[in-house]
C-alpha atoms as a PDB file:
ATOM      1  CA  UNK A   1       0.021  -0.028  -0.017  1.00  0.00           C
ATOM      2  CA  UNK A   2       2.595   2.631   1.048  1.00  0.00           C
ATOM      3  CA  UNK A   3       4.984   1.484  -1.676  1.00  0.00           C
ATOM      4  CA  UNK A   4       2.132   1.995  -4.298  1.00  0.00           C
ATOM      5  CA  UNK A   5       1.656   5.527  -2.909  1.00  0.00           C
ATOM      6  CA  UNK A   6       5.479   6.297  -3.019  1.00  0.00           C
ATOM      7  CA  UNK A   7       5.554   4.890  -6.669  1.00  0.00           C
ATOM      8  CA  UNK A   8       2.496   6.920  -7.689  1.00  0.00           C
ATOM      9  CA  UNK A   9       3.153  10.233  -5.953  1.00  0.00           C
ATOM     10  CA  UNK A  10       6.697  10.258  -4.619  1.00  0.00           C
ATOM     11  CA  UNK A  11       8.435  12.104  -7.490  1.00  0.00           C
ATOM     12  CA  UNK A  12       5.539  14.727  -7.503  1.00  0.00           C
ATOM     13  CA  UNK A  13       5.763  15.184  -3.764  1.00  0.00           C
ATOM     14  CA  UNK A  14       9.586  15.825  -4.062  1.00  0.00           C
ATOM     15  CA  UNK A  15       9.135  18.278  -6.724  1.00  0.00           C
ATOM     16  CA  UNK A  16       6.470  20.379  -4.846  1.00  0.00           C
ATOM     17  CA  UNK A  17       8.178  20.071  -1.384  1.00  0.00           C
ATOM     18  CA  UNK A  18      11.408  21.341  -2.912  1.00  0.00           C
ATOM     19  CA  UNK A  19       9.663  24.442  -4.373  1.00  0.00           C
ATOM     20  CA  UNK A  20       9.010  25.535  -0.845  1.00  0.00           C
ATOM     21  CA  UNK A  21      12.232  24.317   1.156  1.00  0.00           C
ATOM     22  CA  UNK A  22      12.853  20.662   0.575  1.00  0.00           C
ATOM     23  CA  UNK A  23      15.627  19.492   3.052  1.00  0.00           C
ATOM     24  CA  UNK A  24      13.428  17.034   5.060  1.00  0.00           C
ATOM     25  CA  UNK A  25      11.810  15.774   1.785  1.00  0.00           C
ATOM     26  CA  UNK A  26      15.203  15.148   0.057  1.00  0.00           C
ATOM     27  CA  UNK A  27      16.498  13.505   3.017  1.00  0.00           C
ATOM     28  CA  UNK A  28      13.562  11.120   3.139  1.00  0.00           C
ATOM     29  CA  UNK A  29      13.706  10.760  -0.677  1.00  0.00           C
ATOM     30  CA  UNK A  30      17.319   9.892  -0.512  1.00  0.00           C
ATOM     31  CA  UNK A  31      16.535   7.180   2.111  1.00  0.00           C
ATOM     32  CA  UNK A  32      13.612   5.851  -0.135  1.00  0.00           C
ATOM     33  CA  UNK A  33      16.092   5.721  -2.890  1.00  0.00           C
ATOM     34  CA  UNK A  34      18.397   3.662  -0.742  1.00  0.00           C
ATOM     35  CA  UNK A  35      15.623   1.187  -0.113  1.00  0.00           C
ATOM     36  CA  UNK A  36      15.084   1.046  -3.914  1.00  0.00           C
ATOM     37  CA  UNK A  37      11.529   2.573  -3.754  1.00  0.00           C
ATOM     38  CA  UNK A  38      12.677   5.667  -5.728  1.00  0.00           C
ATOM     39  CA  UNK A  39      15.519   6.168  -8.229  1.00  0.00           C
ATOM     40  CA  UNK A  40      18.255   8.303  -6.671  1.00  0.00           C
ATOM     41  CA  UNK A  41      19.016  10.292  -9.825  1.00  0.00           C
ATOM     42  CA  UNK A  42      15.260  11.175 -10.353  1.00  0.00           C
ATOM     43  CA  UNK A  43      15.319  12.372  -6.773  1.00  0.00           C
ATOM     44  CA  UNK A  44      18.202  14.595  -7.392  1.00  0.00           C
ATOM     45  CA  UNK A  45      16.833  15.947 -10.719  1.00  0.00           C
ATOM     46  CA  UNK A  46      13.396  16.656  -9.366  1.00  0.00           C
ATOM     47  CA  UNK A  47      14.799  18.207  -6.221  1.00  0.00           C
ATOM     48  CA  UNK A  48      16.937  20.501  -8.472  1.00  0.00           C
ATOM     49  CA  UNK A  49      14.044  21.381 -10.661  1.00  0.00           C
ATOM     50  CA  UNK A  50      11.730  22.011  -7.677  1.00  0.00           C
ATOM     51  CA  UNK A  51      14.201  24.147  -5.825  1.00  0.00           C
ATOM     52  CA  UNK A  52      15.095  26.224  -8.953  1.00  0.00           C
ATOM     53  CA  UNK A  53      11.382  26.624  -9.723  1.00  0.00           C
ATOM     54  CA  UNK A  54      10.783  28.307  -6.344  1.00  0.00           C
ATOM     55  CA  UNK A  55      13.854  30.379  -6.568  1.00  0.00           C
ATOM     56  CA  UNK A  56      12.963  31.627 -10.132  1.00  0.00           C
ATOM     57  CA  UNK A  57       9.444  32.299  -8.967  1.00  0.00           C
ATOM     58  CA  UNK A  58      10.693  34.571  -6.254  1.00  0.00           C
ATOM     59  CA  UNK A  59      13.218  36.148  -8.680  1.00  0.00           C
ATOM     60  CA  UNK A  60      10.426  36.754 -11.200  1.00  0.00           C
ATOM     61  CA  UNK A  61       7.985  38.330  -8.719  1.00  0.00           C
ATOM     62  CA  UNK A  62      10.702  40.551  -7.449  1.00  0.00           C
ATOM     63  CA  UNK A  63      11.671  41.660 -10.994  1.00  0.00           C
ATOM     64  CA  UNK A  64       7.958  42.582 -11.589  1.00  0.00           C
ATOM     65  CA  UNK A  65       6.691  43.896  -8.356  1.00  0.00           C
ATOM     66  CA  UNK A  66       9.588  43.698  -5.917  1.00  0.00           C
ATOM     67  CA  UNK A  67      10.064  47.357  -5.138  1.00  0.00           C
ATOM     68  CA  UNK A  68       6.269  47.830  -4.645  1.00  0.00           C
ATOM     69  CA  UNK A  69       6.029  44.835  -2.324  1.00  0.00           C
ATOM     70  CA  UNK A  70       8.920  45.914  -0.294  1.00  0.00           C
ATOM     71  CA  UNK A  71       7.564  49.483   0.419  1.00  0.00           C
ATOM     72  CA  UNK A  72       4.156  48.040   1.483  1.00  0.00           C
ATOM     73  CA  UNK A  73       5.664  45.560   3.965  1.00  0.00           C
ATOM     74  CA  UNK A  74       8.289  47.071   6.426  1.00  0.00           C
ATOM     75  CA  UNK A  75       9.183  43.830   8.018  1.00  0.00           C
ATOM     76  CA  UNK A  76      10.159  42.318   4.682  1.00  0.00           C
ATOM     77  CA  UNK A  77      11.904  45.682   3.920  1.00  0.00           C
ATOM     78  CA  UNK A  78      13.901  45.407   7.188  1.00  0.00           C
ATOM     79  CA  UNK A  79      14.974  41.844   6.287  1.00  0.00           C
ATOM     80  CA  UNK A  80      16.040  42.910   2.787  1.00  0.00           C
ATOM     81  CA  UNK A  81      17.949  45.835   4.022  1.00  0.00           C
ATOM     82  CA  UNK A  82      19.974  43.617   6.611  1.00  0.00           C
ATOM     83  CA  UNK A  83      20.753  41.086   3.722  1.00  0.00           C
ATOM     84  CA  UNK A  84      21.764  43.870   1.450  1.00  0.00           C
ATOM     85  CA  UNK A  85      23.997  45.346   3.995  1.00  0.00           C
ATOM     86  CA  UNK A  86      25.711  41.881   4.739  1.00  0.00           C
ATOM     87  CA  UNK A  87      25.767  39.932   1.602  1.00  0.00           C
ATOM     88  CA  UNK A  88      27.288  40.725  -1.814  1.00  0.00           C
ATOM     89  CA  UNK A  89      24.057  39.322  -3.423  1.00  0.00           C
ATOM     90  CA  UNK A  90      25.226  39.910  -7.038  1.00  0.00           C
ATOM     91  CA  UNK A  91      28.389  37.915  -6.641  1.00  0.00           C
ATOM     92  CA  UNK A  92      28.566  34.618  -8.781  1.00  0.00           C
ATOM     93  CA  UNK A  93      29.111  32.737  -5.534  1.00  0.00           C
ATOM     94  CA  UNK A  94      26.074  34.071  -3.923  1.00  0.00           C
ATOM     95  CA  UNK A  95      24.036  33.291  -7.070  1.00  0.00           C
ATOM     96  CA  UNK A  96      25.257  29.729  -6.783  1.00  0.00           C
ATOM     97  CA  UNK A  97      25.116  29.166  -3.157  1.00  0.00           C
ATOM     98  CA  UNK A  98      21.868  31.068  -2.395  1.00  0.00           C
ATOM     99  CA  UNK A  99      20.086  27.832  -1.921  1.00  0.00           C
ATOM    100  CA  UNK A 100      22.347  26.817   0.967  1.00  0.00           C
ATOM    101  CA  UNK A 101      20.871  29.739   3.170  1.00  0.00           C
ATOM    102  CA  UNK A 102      18.119  28.010   4.847  1.00  0.00           C
ATOM    103  CA  UNK A 103      15.324  30.512   5.744  1.00  0.00           C
ATOM    104  CA  UNK A 104      16.650  33.242   3.432  1.00  0.00           C
ATOM    105  CA  UNK A 105      16.571  31.571   0.006  1.00  0.00           C
ATOM    106  CA  UNK A 106      13.404  33.530  -1.223  1.00  0.00           C
ATOM    107  CA  UNK A 107      14.764  36.770   0.359  1.00  0.00           C
ATOM    108  CA  UNK A 108      18.173  36.375  -1.347  1.00  0.00           C
ATOM    109  CA  UNK A 109      16.489  35.628  -4.765  1.00  0.00           C
ATOM    110  CA  UNK A 110      14.402  38.786  -4.377  1.00  0.00           C
ATOM    111  CA  UNK A 111      17.454  40.841  -3.411  1.00  0.00           C
ATOM    112  CA  UNK A 112      19.215  39.467  -6.434  1.00  0.00           C
ATOM    113  CA  UNK A 113      16.459  40.397  -8.701  1.00  0.00           C
ATOM    114  CA  UNK A 114      16.204  43.949  -7.180  1.00  0.00           C
ATOM    115  CA  UNK A 115      19.977  44.482  -7.715  1.00  0.00           C
ATOM    116  CA  UNK A 116      19.507  43.990 -11.424  1.00  0.00           C
ATOM    117  CA  UNK A 117      21.144  40.676 -12.055  1.00  0.00           C
ATOM    118  CA  UNK A 118      20.180  39.532 -15.407  1.00  0.00           C
ATOM    119  CA  UNK A 119      17.683  36.648 -15.286  1.00  0.00           C
ATOM    120  CA  UNK A 120      19.634  34.300 -17.530  1.00  0.00           C
ATOM    121  CA  UNK A 121      22.734  34.665 -15.254  1.00  0.00           C
ATOM    122  CA  UNK A 122      20.675  34.051 -12.194  1.00  0.00           C
ATOM    123  CA  UNK A 123      18.941  30.980 -13.880  1.00  0.00           C
ATOM    124  CA  UNK A 124      22.162  29.387 -14.950  1.00  0.00           C
ATOM    125  CA  UNK A 125      24.100  29.844 -11.602  1.00  0.00           C
ATOM    126  CA  UNK A 126      21.168  29.153  -9.423  1.00  0.00           C
ATOM    127  CA  UNK A 127      20.437  25.967 -11.459  1.00  0.00           C
ATOM    128  CA  UNK A 128      23.910  24.766 -10.706  1.00  0.00           C
ATOM    129  CA  UNK A 129      23.756  25.411  -7.155  1.00  0.00           C
ATOM    130  CA  UNK A 130      20.338  23.783  -6.778  1.00  0.00           C
ATOM    131  CA  UNK A 131      21.884  20.620  -8.365  1.00  0.00           C
ATOM    132  CA  UNK A 132      24.761  20.579  -5.893  1.00  0.00           C
ATOM    133  CA  UNK A 133      22.305  21.218  -3.070  1.00  0.00           C
ATOM    134  CA  UNK A 134      19.886  18.476  -4.153  1.00  0.00           C
ATOM    135  CA  UNK A 135      22.598  15.987  -4.528  1.00  0.00           C
ATOM    136  CA  UNK A 136      24.294  16.673  -1.148  1.00  0.00           C
ATOM    137  CA  UNK A 137      20.846  16.550   0.668  1.00  0.00           C
ATOM    138  CA  UNK A 138      19.869  13.450  -1.115  1.00  0.00           C
ATOM    139  CA  UNK A 139      23.111  11.841  -0.324  1.00  0.00           C
ATOM    140  CA  UNK A 140      22.534  12.523   3.370  1.00  0.00           C
ATOM    141  CA  UNK A 141      19.286  10.637   3.080  1.00  0.00           C
ATOM    142  CA  UNK A 142      20.780   7.838   1.012  1.00  0.00           C
ATOM    143  CA  UNK A 143      23.828   7.245   3.359  1.00  0.00           C
ATOM    144  CA  UNK A 144      22.551   8.030   6.763  1.00  0.00           C
ATOM    145  CA  UNK A 145      18.808   6.843   6.427  1.00  0.00           C
ATOM    146  CA  UNK A 146      19.313   3.424   7.687  1.00  0.00           C
ATOM    147  CA  UNK A 147      20.978   4.776  10.898  1.00  0.00           C
ATOM    148  CA  UNK A 148      18.127   7.361  11.407  1.00  0.00           C
ATOM    149  CA  UNK A 149      15.669   4.612  10.839  1.00  0.00           C
ATOM    150  CA  UNK A 150      17.317   2.392  13.465  1.00  0.00           C
ATOM    151  CA  UNK A 151      17.420   5.253  15.925  1.00  0.00           C
ATOM    152  CA  UNK A 152      13.697   6.115  15.435  1.00  0.00           C
ATOM    153  CA  UNK A 153      12.688   2.453  15.355  1.00  0.00           C
ATOM    154  CA  UNK A 154      13.922   2.164  19.032  1.00  0.00           C
ATOM    155  CA  UNK A 155      11.427   4.972  20.042  1.00  0.00           C
ATOM    156  CA  UNK A 156       7.922   4.468  21.219  1.00  0.00           C
ATOM    157  CA  UNK A 157       5.171   6.305  19.281  1.00  0.00           C
ATOM    158  CA  UNK A 158       5.002   8.915  22.124  1.00  0.00           C
ATOM    159  CA  UNK A 159       8.820   9.344  22.289  1.00  0.00           C
ATOM    160  CA  UNK A 160       8.838   9.725  18.566  1.00  0.00           C
ATOM    161  CA  UNK A 161       6.100  12.470  18.557  1.00  0.00           C
ATOM    162  CA  UNK A 162       7.846  14.285  21.434  1.00  0.00           C
ATOM    163  CA  UNK A 163      11.112  14.181  19.459  1.00  0.00           C
ATOM    164  CA  UNK A 164       9.436  15.594  16.282  1.00  0.00           C
ATOM    165  CA  UNK A 165       7.834  18.426  18.087  1.00  0.00           C
ATOM    166  CA  UNK A 166      11.245  19.125  19.900  1.00  0.00           C
ATOM    167  CA  UNK A 167      13.028  19.245  16.598  1.00  0.00           C
ATOM    168  CA  UNK A 168      10.414  21.457  15.000  1.00  0.00           C
ATOM    169  CA  UNK A 169      10.551  23.920  17.906  1.00  0.00           C
ATOM    170  CA  UNK A 170      14.321  23.846  18.025  1.00  0.00           C
ATOM    171  CA  UNK A 171      14.535  24.671  14.247  1.00  0.00           C
ATOM    172  CA  UNK A 172      11.980  27.445  14.465  1.00  0.00           C
ATOM    173  CA  UNK A 173      13.922  28.865  17.294  1.00  0.00           C
ATOM    174  CA  UNK A 174      17.107  28.562  15.357  1.00  0.00           C
ATOM    175  CA  UNK A 175      15.588  30.324  12.460  1.00  0.00           C
ATOM    176  CA  UNK A 176      14.175  33.188  14.544  1.00  0.00           C
ATOM    177  CA  UNK A 177      17.644  33.671  16.239  1.00  0.00           C
ATOM    178  CA  UNK A 178      19.279  33.810  13.028  1.00  0.00           C
ATOM    179  CA  UNK A 179      16.727  36.253  11.626  1.00  0.00           C
ATOM    180  CA  UNK A 180      17.012  38.403  14.876  1.00  0.00           C
ATOM    181  CA  UNK A 181      20.785  38.495  14.564  1.00  0.00           C
ATOM    182  CA  UNK A 182      20.514  39.708  10.896  1.00  0.00           C
ATOM    183  CA  UNK A 183      18.025  42.255  11.722  1.00  0.00           C
ATOM    184  CA  UNK A 184      19.952  43.644  14.731  1.00  0.00           C
ATOM    185  CA  UNK A 185      23.201  44.274  12.755  1.00  0.00           C
END
């Protein structure tokens, strides 16, 4: 039953999840590739395409309406100013590596667009960066999925639920803390 759902919807789920963020979905997909339920290279390619789609959507919206949106939303304007002051968003390295900045990907794509980077240059460097990101994250799931499964298999349902909640709260706190540091400086 579960195998049929994975075969039918697994690749679509990878693509959609990586449009938004995608680390967890690629780790799980990498593990499923290790278990021969998904094809590893299909996972990497769909993760790349999903991530690039999300980044390019943010870039495109910023090119068309970025200045207008920033002036209407002071919180986003503050994040954009903080990023603009600390990052050289137009450098080729930033265009390539923007997908590795968890929690700031969309904002970086917006800043890149607002700085006037040509769309073709953004697409090429971002696609290459998304491929490296998808490959690395999928490899984590492929290589360490069995160890994670063994650890989780030793937990009771209640302990697993508590662990999941604790991890989500910790990640949200970490993202908020990083965001606060960026906005303070």
